[in-house]
Every structure is written in C-alpha cells, then in structure tokens.
Amino acid sequence: FCNWACNFIVGMCFQYIADLCGPY
C-alpha cells in the first residue's frame, strides 16, 4: 500500500512540482 500510494502521489504531483521548482 505504501509503495503504490507513493507511486500515485509522485505520478499525480510531479508535473505541478516540476512547474513550481523548474530545473531543481
């Protein structure tokens, strides 16, 4: 559950975090 929940969170949030942090 922890593995799949973290995969889901990263998958759903990565684009927003990338837009916010840019190259960092």
PDB file of all heavy atoms in Angstrom:
ATOM      1  N   PHE A   1       0.830  -1.206   0.000  1.00  0.00           N
ATOM      2  CA  PHE A   1       0.000   0.000   0.000  1.00  0.00           C
ATOM      3  C   PHE A   1       0.864   1.257   0.000  1.00  0.00           C
ATOM      4  O   PHE A   1       0.612   2.195  -0.769  1.00  0.00           O
ATOM      5  CB  PHE A   1      -0.943   0.010   1.209  1.00  0.00           C
ATOM      6  CG  PHE A   1      -1.688   1.308   1.342  1.00  0.00           C
ATOM      7  CD1 PHE A   1      -2.772   1.578   0.523  1.00  0.00           C
ATOM      8  CD2 PHE A   1      -1.283   2.275   2.251  1.00  0.00           C
ATOM      9  CE1 PHE A   1      -3.446   2.792   0.617  1.00  0.00           C
ATOM     10  CE2 PHE A   1      -1.947   3.473   2.350  1.00  0.00           C
ATOM     11  CZ  PHE A   1      -3.027   3.735   1.537  1.00  0.00           C
ATOM     12  N   CYS A   2       1.886   1.278   0.864  1.00  0.00           N
ATOM     13  CA  CYS A   2       2.775   2.446   0.916  1.00  0.00           C
ATOM     14  C   CYS A   2       3.480   2.656  -0.422  1.00  0.00           C
ATOM     15  O   CYS A   2       3.582   3.795  -0.902  1.00  0.00           O
ATOM     16  CB  CYS A   2       3.802   2.279   2.024  1.00  0.00           C
ATOM     17  SG  CYS A   2       3.101   2.380   3.677  1.00  0.00           S
ATOM     18  N   ASN A   3       3.947   1.575  -1.025  1.00  0.00           N
ATOM     19  CA  ASN A   3       4.632   1.652  -2.314  1.00  0.00           C
ATOM     20  C   ASN A   3       3.717   2.243  -3.378  1.00  0.00           C
ATOM     21  O   ASN A   3       4.078   3.205  -4.065  1.00  0.00           O
ATOM     22  CB  ASN A   3       5.108   0.250  -2.710  1.00  0.00           C
ATOM     23  CG  ASN A   3       5.874   0.230  -4.010  1.00  0.00           C
ATOM     24  OD1 ASN A   3       6.207   1.256  -4.591  1.00  0.00           O
ATOM     25  ND2 ASN A   3       6.152  -0.960  -4.484  1.00  0.00           N
ATOM     26  N   TRP A   4       2.526   1.702  -3.518  1.00  0.00           N
ATOM     27  CA  TRP A   4       1.615   2.172  -4.563  1.00  0.00           C
ATOM     28  C   TRP A   4       1.069   3.556  -4.258  1.00  0.00           C
ATOM     29  O   TRP A   4       0.845   4.357  -5.175  1.00  0.00           O
ATOM     30  CB  TRP A   4       0.488   1.171  -4.791  1.00  0.00           C
ATOM     31  CG  TRP A   4       0.976  -0.001  -5.578  1.00  0.00           C
ATOM     32  CD1 TRP A   4       1.217  -1.256  -5.106  1.00  0.00           C
ATOM     33  CD2 TRP A   4       1.337  -0.006  -6.958  1.00  0.00           C
ATOM     34  NE1 TRP A   4       1.705  -2.040  -6.120  1.00  0.00           N
ATOM     35  CE2 TRP A   4       1.782  -1.305  -7.268  1.00  0.00           C
ATOM     36  CE3 TRP A   4       1.332   0.954  -7.964  1.00  0.00           C
ATOM     37  CZ2 TRP A   4       2.212  -1.656  -8.539  1.00  0.00           C
ATOM     38  CZ3 TRP A   4       1.760   0.599  -9.224  1.00  0.00           C
ATOM     39  CH2 TRP A   4       2.185  -0.695  -9.508  1.00  0.00           C
ATOM     40  N   ALA A   5       0.850   3.873  -2.980  1.00  0.00           N
ATOM     41  CA  ALA A   5       0.376   5.217  -2.624  1.00  0.00           C
ATOM     42  C   ALA A   5       1.432   6.263  -2.976  1.00  0.00           C
ATOM     43  O   ALA A   5       1.114   7.325  -3.540  1.00  0.00           O
ATOM     44  CB  ALA A   5       0.026   5.279  -1.136  1.00  0.00           C
ATOM     45  N   CYS A   6       2.688   5.971  -2.674  1.00  0.00           N
ATOM     46  CA  CYS A   6       3.765   6.918  -3.009  1.00  0.00           C
ATOM     47  C   CYS A   6       3.931   7.042  -4.516  1.00  0.00           C
ATOM     48  O   CYS A   6       4.146   8.149  -5.036  1.00  0.00           O
ATOM     49  CB  CYS A   6       5.064   6.490  -2.353  1.00  0.00           C
ATOM     50  SG  CYS A   6       5.055   6.717  -0.556  1.00  0.00           S
ATOM     51  N   ASN A   7       3.833   5.922  -5.243  1.00  0.00           N
ATOM     52  CA  ASN A   7       3.889   5.982  -6.710  1.00  0.00           C
ATOM     53  C   ASN A   7       2.769   6.861  -7.258  1.00  0.00           C
ATOM     54  O   ASN A   7       2.985   7.671  -8.171  1.00  0.00           O
ATOM     55  CB  ASN A   7       3.774   4.585  -7.321  1.00  0.00           C
ATOM     56  CG  ASN A   7       5.023   3.768  -7.148  1.00  0.00           C
ATOM     57  OD1 ASN A   7       6.112   4.306  -7.005  1.00  0.00           O
ATOM     58  ND2 ASN A   7       4.871   2.463  -7.150  1.00  0.00           N
ATOM     59  N   PHE A   8       1.584   6.719  -6.708  1.00  0.00           N
ATOM     60  CA  PHE A   8       0.434   7.503  -7.145  1.00  0.00           C
ATOM     61  C   PHE A   8       0.654   8.994  -6.861  1.00  0.00           C
ATOM     62  O   PHE A   8       0.422   9.843  -7.724  1.00  0.00           O
ATOM     63  CB  PHE A   8      -0.837   7.007  -6.443  1.00  0.00           C
ATOM     64  CG  PHE A   8      -2.059   7.795  -6.785  1.00  0.00           C
ATOM     65  CD1 PHE A   8      -2.710   7.604  -7.994  1.00  0.00           C
ATOM     66  CD2 PHE A   8      -2.569   8.740  -5.898  1.00  0.00           C
ATOM     67  CE1 PHE A   8      -3.841   8.339  -8.307  1.00  0.00           C
ATOM     68  CE2 PHE A   8      -3.693   9.474  -6.210  1.00  0.00           C
ATOM     69  CZ  PHE A   8      -4.335   9.272  -7.421  1.00  0.00           C
ATOM     70  N   ILE A   9       1.130   9.304  -5.662  1.00  0.00           N
ATOM     71  CA  ILE A   9       1.352  10.706  -5.288  1.00  0.00           C
ATOM     72  C   ILE A   9       2.405  11.343  -6.192  1.00  0.00           C
ATOM     73  O   ILE A   9       2.216  12.461  -6.686  1.00  0.00           O
ATOM     74  CB  ILE A   9       1.752  10.810  -3.803  1.00  0.00           C
ATOM     75  CG1 ILE A   9       0.556  10.461  -2.920  1.00  0.00           C
ATOM     76  CG2 ILE A   9       2.287  12.190  -3.464  1.00  0.00           C
ATOM     77  CD1 ILE A   9       0.905  10.228  -1.457  1.00  0.00           C
ATOM     78  N   VAL A  10       3.515  10.645  -6.413  1.00  0.00           N
ATOM     79  CA  VAL A  10       4.563  11.187  -7.288  1.00  0.00           C
ATOM     80  C   VAL A  10       4.024  11.368  -8.699  1.00  0.00           C
ATOM     81  O   VAL A  10       4.236  12.410  -9.339  1.00  0.00           O
ATOM     82  CB  VAL A  10       5.823  10.287  -7.281  1.00  0.00           C
ATOM     83  CG1 VAL A  10       6.800  10.697  -8.370  1.00  0.00           C
ATOM     84  CG2 VAL A  10       6.499  10.346  -5.921  1.00  0.00           C
ATOM     85  N   GLY A  11       3.305  10.369  -9.192  1.00  0.00           N
ATOM     86  CA  GLY A  11       2.748  10.458 -10.549  1.00  0.00           C
ATOM     87  C   GLY A  11       1.764  11.603 -10.715  1.00  0.00           C
ATOM     88  O   GLY A  11       1.755  12.277 -11.750  1.00  0.00           O
ATOM     89  N   MET A  12       0.947  11.831  -9.715  1.00  0.00           N
ATOM     90  CA  MET A  12      -0.065  12.885  -9.810  1.00  0.00           C
ATOM     91  C   MET A  12       0.515  14.281  -9.573  1.00  0.00           C
ATOM     92  O   MET A  12       0.012  15.255 -10.117  1.00  0.00           O
ATOM     93  CB  MET A  12      -1.191  12.627  -8.800  1.00  0.00           C
ATOM     94  CG  MET A  12      -2.004  11.383  -9.109  1.00  0.00           C
ATOM     95  SD  MET A  12      -2.753  11.411 -10.743  1.00  0.00           S
ATOM     96  CE  MET A  12      -3.995  12.640 -10.532  1.00  0.00           C
ATOM     97  N   CYS A  13       1.538  14.374  -8.755  1.00  0.00           N
ATOM     98  CA  CYS A  13       2.053  15.691  -8.353  1.00  0.00           C
ATOM     99  C   CYS A  13       3.305  16.133  -9.089  1.00  0.00           C
ATOM    100  O   CYS A  13       3.675  17.308  -9.004  1.00  0.00           O
ATOM    101  CB  CYS A  13       2.344  15.689  -6.848  1.00  0.00           C
ATOM    102  SG  CYS A  13       0.898  15.394  -5.832  1.00  0.00           S
ATOM    103  N   PHE A  14       3.981  15.233  -9.800  1.00  0.00           N
ATOM    104  CA  PHE A  14       5.278  15.569 -10.365  1.00  0.00           C
ATOM    105  C   PHE A  14       5.204  16.783 -11.291  1.00  0.00           C
ATOM    106  O   PHE A  14       6.044  17.673 -11.213  1.00  0.00           O
ATOM    107  CB  PHE A  14       5.895  14.385 -11.109  1.00  0.00           C
ATOM    108  CG  PHE A  14       7.260  14.706 -11.647  1.00  0.00           C
ATOM    109  CD1 PHE A  14       8.357  14.665 -10.813  1.00  0.00           C
ATOM    110  CD2 PHE A  14       7.441  15.078 -12.962  1.00  0.00           C
ATOM    111  CE1 PHE A  14       9.621  14.978 -11.291  1.00  0.00           C
ATOM    112  CE2 PHE A  14       8.693  15.399 -13.450  1.00  0.00           C
ATOM    113  CZ  PHE A  14       9.790  15.347 -12.608  1.00  0.00           C
ATOM    114  N   GLN A  15       4.224  16.831 -12.160  1.00  0.00           N
ATOM    115  CA  GLN A  15       4.149  17.943 -13.117  1.00  0.00           C
ATOM    116  C   GLN A  15       3.980  19.289 -12.401  1.00  0.00           C
ATOM    117  O   GLN A  15       4.609  20.275 -12.770  1.00  0.00           O
ATOM    118  CB  GLN A  15       3.002  17.738 -14.105  1.00  0.00           C
ATOM    119  CG  GLN A  15       2.960  18.767 -15.212  1.00  0.00           C
ATOM    120  CD  GLN A  15       4.225  18.753 -16.062  1.00  0.00           C
ATOM    121  OE1 GLN A  15       4.637  17.713 -16.553  1.00  0.00           O
ATOM    122  NE2 GLN A  15       4.840  19.907 -16.227  1.00  0.00           N
ATOM    123  N   TYR A  16       3.173  19.299 -11.347  1.00  0.00           N
ATOM    124  CA  TYR A  16       2.970  20.537 -10.587  1.00  0.00           C
ATOM    125  C   TYR A  16       4.255  20.944  -9.855  1.00  0.00           C
ATOM    126  O   TYR A  16       4.604  22.128  -9.806  1.00  0.00           O
ATOM    127  CB  TYR A  16       1.821  20.374  -9.585  1.00  0.00           C
ATOM    128  CG  TYR A  16       0.513  20.048 -10.255  1.00  0.00           C
ATOM    129  CD1 TYR A  16      -0.053  18.786 -10.115  1.00  0.00           C
ATOM    130  CD2 TYR A  16      -0.146  20.987 -11.042  1.00  0.00           C
ATOM    131  CE1 TYR A  16      -1.257  18.471 -10.737  1.00  0.00           C
ATOM    132  CE2 TYR A  16      -1.350  20.685 -11.668  1.00  0.00           C
ATOM    133  CZ  TYR A  16      -1.894  19.425 -11.511  1.00  0.00           C
ATOM    134  OH  TYR A  16      -3.077  19.122 -12.132  1.00  0.00           O
ATOM    135  N   ILE A  17       4.933  19.950  -9.294  1.00  0.00           N
ATOM    136  CA  ILE A  17       6.186  20.237  -8.592  1.00  0.00           C
ATOM    137  C   ILE A  17       7.247  20.708  -9.582  1.00  0.00           C
ATOM    138  O   ILE A  17       8.015  21.632  -9.299  1.00  0.00           O
ATOM    139  CB  ILE A  17       6.663  19.002  -7.803  1.00  0.00           C
ATOM    140  CG1 ILE A  17       5.646  18.674  -6.704  1.00  0.00           C
ATOM    141  CG2 ILE A  17       8.037  19.229  -7.200  1.00  0.00           C
ATOM    142  CD1 ILE A  17       5.882  17.339  -6.024  1.00  0.00           C
ATOM    143  N   ALA A  18       7.287  20.077 -10.768  1.00  0.00           N
ATOM    144  CA  ALA A  18       8.253  20.480 -11.807  1.00  0.00           C
ATOM    145  C   ALA A  18       7.980  21.909 -12.264  1.00  0.00           C
ATOM    146  O   ALA A  18       8.915  22.687 -12.477  1.00  0.00           O
ATOM    147  CB  ALA A  18       8.204  19.516 -12.982  1.00  0.00           C
ATOM    148  N   ASP A  19       6.706  22.262 -12.414  1.00  0.00           N
ATOM    149  CA  ASP A  19       6.364  23.637 -12.796  1.00  0.00           C
ATOM    150  C   ASP A  19       6.771  24.625 -11.704  1.00  0.00           C
ATOM    151  O   ASP A  19       7.223  25.734 -11.995  1.00  0.00           O
ATOM    152  CB  ASP A  19       4.862  23.760 -13.064  1.00  0.00           C
ATOM    153  CG  ASP A  19       4.424  23.012 -14.313  1.00  0.00           C
ATOM    154  OD1 ASP A  19       5.293  22.680 -15.155  1.00  0.00           O
ATOM    155  OD2 ASP A  19       3.207  22.747 -14.440  1.00  0.00           O
ATOM    156  N   LEU A  20       6.635  24.219 -10.461  1.00  0.00           N
ATOM    157  CA  LEU A  20       6.962  25.081  -9.330  1.00  0.00           C
ATOM    158  C   LEU A  20       8.475  25.209  -9.122  1.00  0.00           C
ATOM    159  O   LEU A  20       8.979  26.315  -8.883  1.00  0.00           O
ATOM    160  CB  LEU A  20       6.311  24.530  -8.052  1.00  0.00           C
ATOM    161  CG  LEU A  20       6.464  25.337  -6.786  1.00  0.00           C
ATOM    162  CD1 LEU A  20       5.710  26.659  -6.905  1.00  0.00           C
ATOM    163  CD2 LEU A  20       5.952  24.552  -5.601  1.00  0.00           C
ATOM    164  N   CYS A  21       9.201  24.116  -9.237  1.00  0.00           N
ATOM    165  CA  CYS A  21      10.641  24.109  -8.919  1.00  0.00           C
ATOM    166  C   CYS A  21      11.542  24.286 -10.129  1.00  0.00           C
ATOM    167  O   CYS A  21      12.734  24.560  -9.965  1.00  0.00           O
ATOM    168  CB  CYS A  21      11.005  22.798  -8.230  1.00  0.00           C
ATOM    169  SG  CYS A  21      10.178  22.561  -6.660  1.00  0.00           S
ATOM    170  N   GLY A  22      11.007  24.089 -11.309  1.00  0.00           N
ATOM    171  CA  GLY A  22      11.818  24.222 -12.512  1.00  0.00           C
ATOM    172  C   GLY A  22      12.915  23.180 -12.567  1.00  0.00           C
ATOM    173  O   GLY A  22      12.685  22.009 -12.264  1.00  0.00           O
ATOM    174  N   PRO A  23      14.138  23.587 -12.904  1.00  0.00           N
ATOM    175  CA  PRO A  23      15.221  22.609 -13.059  1.00  0.00           C
ATOM    176  C   PRO A  23      15.680  21.983 -11.738  1.00  0.00           C
ATOM    177  O   PRO A  23      16.446  21.034 -11.739  1.00  0.00           O
ATOM    178  CB  PRO A  23      16.352  23.423 -13.693  1.00  0.00           C
ATOM    179  CG  PRO A  23      16.083  24.825 -13.318  1.00  0.00           C
ATOM    180  CD  PRO A  23      14.580  24.949 -13.225  1.00  0.00           C
ATOM    181  N   TYR A  24      15.198  22.502 -10.632  1.00  0.00           N
ATOM    182  CA  TYR A  24      15.600  21.972  -9.331  1.00  0.00           C
ATOM    183  C   TYR A  24      14.647  20.888  -8.815  1.00  0.00           C
ATOM    184  O   TYR A  24      14.732  20.499  -7.654  1.00  0.00           O
ATOM    185  CB  TYR A  24      15.692  23.104  -8.306  1.00  0.00           C
ATOM    186  CG  TYR A  24      16.750  24.110  -8.656  1.00  0.00           C
ATOM    187  CD1 TYR A  24      16.411  25.295  -9.296  1.00  0.00           C
ATOM    188  CD2 TYR A  24      18.085  23.865  -8.383  1.00  0.00           C
ATOM    189  CE1 TYR A  24      17.379  26.223  -9.646  1.00  0.00           C
ATOM    190  CE2 TYR A  24      19.072  24.783  -8.729  1.00  0.00           C
ATOM    191  CZ  TYR A  24      18.706  25.954  -9.358  1.00  0.00           C
ATOM    192  OH  TYR A  24      19.668  26.870  -9.703  1.00  0.00           O
TER     193      TYR A  24
END
